[in-house]
C-alpha atoms as a PDB file:
ATOM      1  CA  ALA A   1       4.233  -8.215  18.364  1.00  0.00           C
ATOM      2  CA  GLU A   2       7.139  -6.696  20.258  1.00  0.00           C
ATOM      3  CA  THR A   3      10.790  -6.419  19.289  1.00  0.00           C
ATOM      4  CA  PRO A   4      13.814  -5.757  21.551  1.00  0.00           C
ATOM      5  CA  GLU A   5      15.974  -2.658  21.396  1.00  0.00           C
ATOM      6  CA  GLY A   6      19.572  -2.753  20.272  1.00  0.00           C
ATOM      7  CA  GLN A   7      21.236  -4.811  17.554  1.00  0.00           C
ATOM      8  CA  ALA A   8      18.428  -7.416  17.463  1.00  0.00           C
ATOM      9  CA  CYS A   9      15.771  -4.758  16.823  1.00  0.00           C
ATOM     10  CA  GLY A  10      13.494  -5.882  14.008  1.00  0.00           C
ATOM     11  CA  LEU A  11      15.129  -9.319  13.820  1.00  0.00           C
ATOM     12  CA  VAL A  12      13.716 -10.923  16.964  1.00  0.00           C
ATOM     13  CA  LYS A  13       9.972 -10.603  17.505  1.00  0.00           C
ATOM     14  CA  ASN A  14       7.693 -11.904  20.237  1.00  0.00           C
ATOM     15  CA  LEU A  15       4.206 -13.127  19.374  1.00  0.00           C
ATOM     16  CA  ALA A  16       1.423 -13.028  21.964  1.00  0.00           C
ATOM     17  CA  LEU A  17      -0.076 -16.374  23.005  1.00  0.00           C
ATOM     18  CA  MET A  18      -3.573 -15.428  21.805  1.00  0.00           C
ATOM     19  CA  CYS A  19      -2.397 -14.392  18.335  1.00  0.00           C
ATOM     20  CA  TYR A  20      -3.345 -16.494  15.332  1.00  0.00           C
ATOM     21  CA  VAL A  21      -1.508 -16.875  12.024  1.00  0.00           C
ATOM     22  CA  THR A  22      -3.874 -17.595   9.141  1.00  0.00           C
ATOM     23  CA  VAL A  23      -3.450 -20.814   7.173  1.00  0.00           C
ATOM     24  CA  GLY A  24      -5.512 -19.740   4.150  1.00  0.00           C
ATOM     25  CA  THR A  25      -9.018 -20.610   2.939  1.00  0.00           C
ATOM     26  CA  PRO A  26     -10.614 -20.828  -0.551  1.00  0.00           C
ATOM     27  CA  SER A  27     -11.895 -17.511  -1.904  1.00  0.00           C
ATOM     28  CA  ASP A  28     -14.173 -18.840  -4.686  1.00  0.00           C
ATOM     29  CA  PRO A  29     -17.247 -19.438  -2.443  1.00  0.00           C
ATOM     30  CA  ILE A  30     -17.085 -15.836  -1.197  1.00  0.00           C
ATOM     31  CA  ILE A  31     -16.876 -14.479  -4.753  1.00  0.00           C
ATOM     32  CA  GLU A  32     -19.841 -16.617  -5.827  1.00  0.00           C
ATOM     33  CA  PHE A  33     -21.831 -15.418  -2.817  1.00  0.00           C
ATOM     34  CA  MET A  34     -21.151 -11.750  -3.637  1.00  0.00           C
ATOM     35  CA  ILE A  35     -22.165 -12.277  -7.280  1.00  0.00           C
ATOM     36  CA  GLN A  36     -25.492 -13.628  -6.011  1.00  0.00           C
ATOM     37  CA  ARG A  37     -25.748 -10.473  -3.861  1.00  0.00           C
ATOM     38  CA  ASN A  38     -25.690  -8.138  -6.892  1.00  0.00           C
ATOM     39  CA  MET A  39     -21.951  -7.737  -7.324  1.00  0.00           C
ATOM     40  CA  GLU A  40     -21.158  -6.845 -10.948  1.00  0.00           C
ATOM     41  CA  VAL A  41     -18.183  -8.821 -12.231  1.00  0.00           C
ATOM     42  CA  LEU A  42     -15.421  -6.754 -13.778  1.00  0.00           C
ATOM     43  CA  GLU A  43     -16.069  -7.971 -17.337  1.00  0.00           C
ATOM     44  CA  GLU A  44     -19.657  -6.655 -17.234  1.00  0.00           C
ATOM     45  CA  TYR A  45     -18.987  -3.375 -15.416  1.00  0.00           C
ATOM     46  CA  GLU A  46     -19.768  -0.121 -17.237  1.00  0.00           C
ATOM     47  CA  PRO A  47     -18.190   2.842 -15.397  1.00  0.00           C
ATOM     48  CA  LEU A  48     -20.536   5.419 -16.952  1.00  0.00           C
ATOM     49  CA  ARG A  49     -23.600   3.706 -15.474  1.00  0.00           C
ATOM     50  CA  ALA A  50     -22.259   3.515 -11.911  1.00  0.00           C
ATOM     51  CA  PRO A  51     -19.242   5.832 -11.505  1.00  0.00           C
ATOM     52  CA  ASN A  52     -19.486   5.822  -7.688  1.00  0.00           C
ATOM     53  CA  ALA A  53     -19.703   2.055  -7.243  1.00  0.00           C
ATOM     54  CA  THR A  54     -17.349   0.474  -4.711  1.00  0.00           C
ATOM     55  CA  LYS A  55     -14.563  -1.716  -6.078  1.00  0.00           C
ATOM     56  CA  VAL A  56     -14.342  -5.218  -4.584  1.00  0.00           C
ATOM     57  CA  PHE A  57     -10.918  -6.864  -4.219  1.00  0.00           C
ATOM     58  CA  VAL A  58     -10.270 -10.459  -3.159  1.00  0.00           C
ATOM     59  CA  ASN A  59      -6.658 -11.214  -2.197  1.00  0.00           C
ATOM     60  CA  GLY A  60      -5.521  -8.138  -4.115  1.00  0.00           C
ATOM     61  CA  VAL A  61      -7.390  -9.012  -7.331  1.00  0.00           C
ATOM     62  CA  TRP A  62     -10.147  -6.664  -8.551  1.00  0.00           C
ATOM     63  CA  VAL A  63     -13.104  -9.007  -9.071  1.00  0.00           C
ATOM     64  CA  GLY A  64     -16.048  -6.615  -9.414  1.00  0.00           C
ATOM     65  CA  VAL A  65     -18.005  -3.626  -8.115  1.00  0.00           C
ATOM     66  CA  HIS A  66     -21.026  -3.178  -5.869  1.00  0.00           C
ATOM     67  CA  ARG A  67     -23.490  -0.291  -5.588  1.00  0.00           C
ATOM     68  CA  ASP A  68     -24.508  -0.893  -1.961  1.00  0.00           C
ATOM     69  CA  PRO A  69     -21.224  -1.611  -0.140  1.00  0.00           C
ATOM     70  CA  ALA A  70     -22.580  -1.007   3.373  1.00  0.00           C
ATOM     71  CA  HIS A  71     -25.126  -3.801   2.998  1.00  0.00           C
ATOM     72  CA  LEU A  72     -22.580  -6.131   1.369  1.00  0.00           C
ATOM     73  CA  VAL A  73     -19.977  -5.596   4.101  1.00  0.00           C
ATOM     74  CA  SER A  74     -22.588  -6.121   6.829  1.00  0.00           C
ATOM     75  CA  THR A  75     -23.825  -9.318   5.167  1.00  0.00           C
ATOM     76  CA  VAL A  76     -20.352 -10.850   4.764  1.00  0.00           C
ATOM     77  CA  GLN A  77     -19.477  -9.822   8.324  1.00  0.00           C
ATOM     78  CA  ASP A  78     -22.577 -11.620   9.612  1.00  0.00           C
ATOM     79  CA  LEU A  79     -21.464 -14.722   7.689  1.00  0.00           C
ATOM     80  CA  ARG A  80     -18.096 -14.616   9.437  1.00  0.00           C
ATOM     81  CA  ARG A  81     -19.626 -14.105  12.872  1.00  0.00           C
ATOM     82  CA  GLY A  82     -22.120 -16.878  12.161  1.00  0.00           C
ATOM     83  CA  HIS A  83     -19.223 -19.210  11.244  1.00  0.00           C
ATOM     84  CA  LEU A  84     -20.613 -19.716   7.719  1.00  0.00           C
ATOM     85  CA  ILE A  85     -17.242 -18.582   6.356  1.00  0.00           C
ATOM     86  CA  SER A  86     -13.882 -18.984   8.060  1.00  0.00           C
ATOM     87  CA  HIS A  87     -13.138 -16.753  11.044  1.00  0.00           C
ATOM     88  CA  GLU A  88      -9.737 -15.898   9.539  1.00  0.00           C
ATOM     89  CA  VAL A  89     -11.224 -14.044   6.537  1.00  0.00           C
ATOM     90  CA  SER A  90     -10.330 -10.348   6.696  1.00  0.00           C
ATOM     91  CA  LEU A  91     -12.880  -7.683   5.637  1.00  0.00           C
ATOM     92  CA  ILE A  92     -11.671  -4.117   5.032  1.00  0.00           C
ATOM     93  CA  ARG A  93     -13.945  -1.354   3.765  1.00  0.00           C
ATOM     94  CA  ASP A  94     -12.171   1.857   2.728  1.00  0.00           C
ATOM     95  CA  ILE A  95     -14.980   4.408   2.489  1.00  0.00           C
ATOM     96  CA  ARG A  96     -12.784   7.239   1.229  1.00  0.00           C
ATOM     97  CA  ASP A  97     -11.315   5.277  -1.692  1.00  0.00           C
ATOM     98  CA  ARG A  98     -14.578   3.344  -2.254  1.00  0.00           C
ATOM     99  CA  GLU A  99     -12.913  -0.058  -1.898  1.00  0.00           C
ATOM    100  CA  PHE A 100     -13.925  -3.297  -0.180  1.00  0.00           C
ATOM    101  CA  LYS A 101     -10.975  -5.648   0.309  1.00  0.00           C
ATOM    102  CA  ILE A 102     -11.252  -9.295   1.346  1.00  0.00           C
ATOM    103  CA  PHE A 103      -8.236 -11.415   2.262  1.00  0.00           C
ATOM    104  CA  THR A 104      -8.309 -15.191   2.662  1.00  0.00           C
ATOM    105  CA  ASP A 105      -4.584 -15.854   2.178  1.00  0.00           C
ATOM    106  CA  ALA A 106      -2.131 -17.428   4.613  1.00  0.00           C
ATOM    107  CA  GLY A 107       0.450 -15.763   6.817  1.00  0.00           C
ATOM    108  CA  ARG A 108      -1.548 -12.854   8.264  1.00  0.00           C
ATOM    109  CA  VAL A 109      -1.152 -12.303  12.017  1.00  0.00           C
ATOM    110  CA  CYS A 110      -4.518 -11.759  13.735  1.00  0.00           C
ATOM    111  CA  ARG A 111      -5.524 -10.974  17.296  1.00  0.00           C
ATOM    112  CA  PRO A 112      -8.829 -11.784  19.028  1.00  0.00           C
ATOM    113  CA  LEU A 113     -11.264  -9.048  20.040  1.00  0.00           C
ATOM    114  CA  PHE A 114     -14.648  -9.137  21.752  1.00  0.00           C
ATOM    115  CA  VAL A 115     -17.553  -8.205  19.466  1.00  0.00           C
ATOM    116  CA  VAL A 116     -19.908  -5.333  20.335  1.00  0.00           C
ATOM    117  CA  ASP A 117     -23.546  -5.757  19.286  1.00  0.00           C
ATOM    118  CA  ASN A 118     -24.389  -2.930  16.858  1.00  0.00           C
ATOM    119  CA  GLY A 119     -27.683  -4.273  15.508  1.00  0.00           C
ATOM    120  CA  GLN A 120     -30.167  -1.475  14.853  1.00  0.00           C
ATOM    121  CA  ASN A 121     -33.103  -3.383  16.373  1.00  0.00           C
ATOM    122  CA  SER A 122     -31.135  -5.271  19.015  1.00  0.00           C
ATOM    123  CA  THR A 123     -32.054  -4.851  22.678  1.00  0.00           C
ATOM    124  CA  ASN A 124     -28.379  -5.454  23.507  1.00  0.00           C
ATOM    125  CA  LYS A 125     -27.094  -2.681  21.230  1.00  0.00           C
ATOM    126  CA  GLY A 126     -23.863  -1.108  22.453  1.00  0.00           C
ATOM    127  CA  ASN A 127     -22.982  -4.013  24.754  1.00  0.00           C
ATOM    128  CA  LEU A 128     -20.697  -6.994  24.328  1.00  0.00           C
ATOM    129  CA  VAL A 129     -22.148 -10.068  22.655  1.00  0.00           C
ATOM    130  CA  LEU A 130     -20.534 -12.009  25.519  1.00  0.00           C
ATOM    131  CA  ASN A 131     -23.105 -12.795  28.214  1.00  0.00           C
ATOM    132  CA  LYS A 132     -23.478 -14.881  31.383  1.00  0.00           C
ATOM    133  CA  SER A 133     -24.524 -18.013  29.508  1.00  0.00           C
ATOM    134  CA  HIS A 134     -21.186 -18.030  27.656  1.00  0.00           C
ATOM    135  CA  ILE A 135     -19.320 -17.600  30.950  1.00  0.00           C
ATOM    136  CA  ARG A 136     -21.260 -20.482  32.529  1.00  0.00           C
ATOM    137  CA  ARG A 137     -20.431 -22.777  29.603  1.00  0.00           C
ATOM    138  CA  LEU A 138     -16.753 -21.899  29.935  1.00  0.00           C
ATOM    139  CA  GLU A 139     -16.925 -22.655  33.667  1.00  0.00           C
ATOM    140  CA  ASP A 140     -18.546 -26.015  32.899  1.00  0.00           C
ATOM    141  CA  ASP A 141     -15.578 -26.846  30.661  1.00  0.00           C
ATOM    142  CA  ALA A 142     -13.272 -26.671  33.688  1.00  0.00           C
ATOM    143  CA  GLY A 143     -14.767 -29.894  35.077  1.00  0.00           C
ATOM    144  CA  MET A 144     -14.184 -31.872  31.876  1.00  0.00           C
ATOM    145  CA  PRO A 145     -11.106 -34.045  31.251  1.00  0.00           C
ATOM    146  CA  LEU A 146      -8.244 -32.339  29.427  1.00  0.00           C
ATOM    147  CA  ALA A 147      -7.104 -35.210  27.198  1.00  0.00           C
ATOM    148  CA  MET A 148      -9.951 -35.328  24.652  1.00  0.00           C
ATOM    149  CA  ASP A 149      -9.921 -35.431  20.868  1.00  0.00           C
ATOM    150  CA  THR A 150     -12.323 -33.477  18.632  1.00  0.00           C
ATOM    151  CA  GLU A 151     -14.980 -36.203  18.501  1.00  0.00           C
ATOM    152  CA  GLN A 152     -15.011 -36.612  22.274  1.00  0.00           C
ATOM    153  CA  ARG A 153     -15.335 -32.850  22.770  1.00  0.00           C
ATOM    154  CA  LYS A 154     -18.339 -32.722  20.443  1.00  0.00           C
ATOM    155  CA  ALA A 155     -19.979 -35.674  22.179  1.00  0.00           C
ATOM    156  CA  ILE A 156     -19.517 -34.236  25.657  1.00  0.00           C
ATOM    157  CA  GLY A 157     -20.542 -30.686  24.677  1.00  0.00           C
ATOM    158  CA  TYR A 158     -17.204 -28.943  25.168  1.00  0.00           C
ATOM    159  CA  PHE A 159     -17.516 -25.186  24.460  1.00  0.00           C
ATOM    160  CA  GLY A 160     -14.042 -23.694  24.816  1.00  0.00           C
ATOM    161  CA  PHE A 161     -12.516 -20.708  23.046  1.00  0.00           C
ATOM    162  CA  GLN A 162     -13.565 -22.085  19.664  1.00  0.00           C
ATOM    163  CA  GLY A 163     -17.164 -21.937  20.882  1.00  0.00           C
ATOM    164  CA  LEU A 164     -16.806 -18.193  21.455  1.00  0.00           C
ATOM    165  CA  ILE A 165     -15.575 -17.793  17.874  1.00  0.00           C
ATOM    166  CA  ASP A 166     -18.348 -19.977  16.421  1.00  0.00           C
ATOM    167  CA  GLU A 167     -21.050 -17.943  18.183  1.00  0.00           C
ATOM    168  CA  GLY A 168     -19.641 -14.578  17.103  1.00  0.00           C
ATOM    169  CA  VAL A 169     -18.576 -13.522  20.597  1.00  0.00           C
ATOM    170  CA  VAL A 170     -14.910 -13.186  19.598  1.00  0.00           C
ATOM    171  CA  GLU A 171     -13.501 -12.477  16.155  1.00  0.00           C
ATOM    172  CA  TYR A 172      -9.966 -12.280  14.800  1.00  0.00           C
ATOM    173  CA  LEU A 173      -8.793  -9.062  13.118  1.00  0.00           C
ATOM    174  CA  ASP A 174      -5.547  -8.636  11.224  1.00  0.00           C
ATOM    175  CA  ALA A 175      -3.484  -5.427  11.163  1.00  0.00           C
ATOM    176  CA  GLU A 176      -5.159  -4.002   8.053  1.00  0.00           C
ATOM    177  CA  GLU A 177      -8.706  -4.601   9.269  1.00  0.00           C
ATOM    178  CA  GLU A 178      -7.836  -2.975  12.597  1.00  0.00           C
ATOM    179  CA  GLU A 179      -7.144   0.250  10.685  1.00  0.00           C
ATOM    180  CA  THR A 180     -10.816   0.491   9.664  1.00  0.00           C
ATOM    181  CA  ALA A 181     -12.411  -0.909  12.841  1.00  0.00           C
ATOM    182  CA  MET A 182     -13.622   1.044  15.868  1.00  0.00           C
ATOM    183  CA  ILE A 183     -11.878  -0.556  18.852  1.00  0.00           C
ATOM    184  CA  VAL A 184     -12.337   0.374  22.515  1.00  0.00           C
ATOM    185  CA  MET A 185      -9.519  -0.482  24.887  1.00  0.00           C
ATOM    186  CA  THR A 186     -11.390  -0.435  28.225  1.00  0.00           C
ATOM    187  CA  PRO A 187     -14.940  -1.107  29.515  1.00  0.00           C
ATOM    188  CA  GLU A 188     -15.106   2.578  30.516  1.00  0.00           C
ATOM    189  CA  ASP A 189     -14.589   3.607  26.875  1.00  0.00           C
ATOM    190  CA  LEU A 190     -17.452   1.317  25.873  1.00  0.00           C
ATOM    191  CA  ASP A 191     -19.732   2.951  28.457  1.00  0.00           C
ATOM    192  CA  ILE A 192     -18.820   6.421  27.172  1.00  0.00           C
ATOM    193  CA  SER A 193     -19.468   5.365  23.572  1.00  0.00           C
ATOM    194  CA  ARG A 194     -22.852   3.914  24.525  1.00  0.00           C
ATOM    195  CA  GLN A 195     -23.851   7.126  26.318  1.00  0.00           C
ATOM    196  CA  LEU A 196     -22.805   9.304  23.377  1.00  0.00           C
ATOM    197  CA  GLN A 197     -24.777   7.159  20.923  1.00  0.00           C
ATOM    198  CA  ALA A 198     -27.816   7.455  23.205  1.00  0.00           C
ATOM    199  CA  GLY A 199     -27.572  11.255  22.975  1.00  0.00           C
ATOM    200  CA  TYR A 200     -26.207  12.037  26.438  1.00  0.00           C
ATOM    201  CA  GLN A 201     -23.844  14.985  26.823  1.00  0.00           C
ATOM    202  CA  LEU A 202     -20.788  14.169  28.918  1.00  0.00           C
ATOM    203  CA  ARG A 203     -19.850  16.775  31.501  1.00  0.00           C
ATOM    204  CA  PRO A 204     -16.444  18.306  30.628  1.00  0.00           C
ATOM    205  CA  ASP A 205     -13.653  18.044  33.175  1.00  0.00           C
ATOM    206  CA  GLU A 206     -13.153  21.572  34.533  1.00  0.00           C
ATOM    207  CA  SER A 207     -10.810  20.684  37.389  1.00  0.00           C
ATOM    208  CA  GLY A 208      -7.697  21.606  35.413  1.00  0.00           C
ATOM    209  CA  ASP A 209      -5.884  18.485  36.638  1.00  0.00           C
ATOM    210  CA  LEU A 210      -4.272  16.937  33.557  1.00  0.00           C
ATOM    211  CA  ASN A 211      -3.485  13.720  35.439  1.00  0.00           C
ATOM    212  CA  LYS A 212      -7.198  12.870  35.597  1.00  0.00           C
ATOM    213  CA  ARG A 213      -7.185  12.361  31.852  1.00  0.00           C
ATOM    214  CA  VAL A 214      -4.653   9.545  32.126  1.00  0.00           C
ATOM    215  CA  LYS A 215      -6.298   6.111  32.253  1.00  0.00           C
ATOM    216  CA  ALA A 216      -4.490   3.244  33.944  1.00  0.00           C
END
């Protein structure tokens, strides 16, 4: 969001077209799922037995603790990308404070980001989940009539932007989740990250020209 300078600063804000304001979803199914995945509810938690367990918060309420937060966060994230839970659910893991925060409430401003495949055994690791088949399906949508309701779109096989969300190609992140996410701003940054993870050493720039460091 942007705000003008001058006397209207902070009062008038502009929202990008691709932004999404959450409408709220039920949190009980997520809590039940985490209990089935070995989350200890707060009433049964004994701090002396697991002093380093990660606290789990749902909409600001401490609901329990978990001893393997990395696996829990990865599992819930896969549910969101697989469209088994709503795409507007926010997942924040604070490693330093040992906290895992989940928000399903309304009124959070989110922005869409492309997802990078980080699966350990994936052949596409380090690349975007977006591929040519998704692009072709979006191009096929261009030849379909515009005035269609939801039932007609399902019957005709309309993909659209919602299709990208359903298949985990794009996901919405709110401001708090962005603080804990690794986000690249350009395709060049993604290439550099992929090379570093593969073990390549990047050649340092020894030209002395500071302008070369500036990316357009």
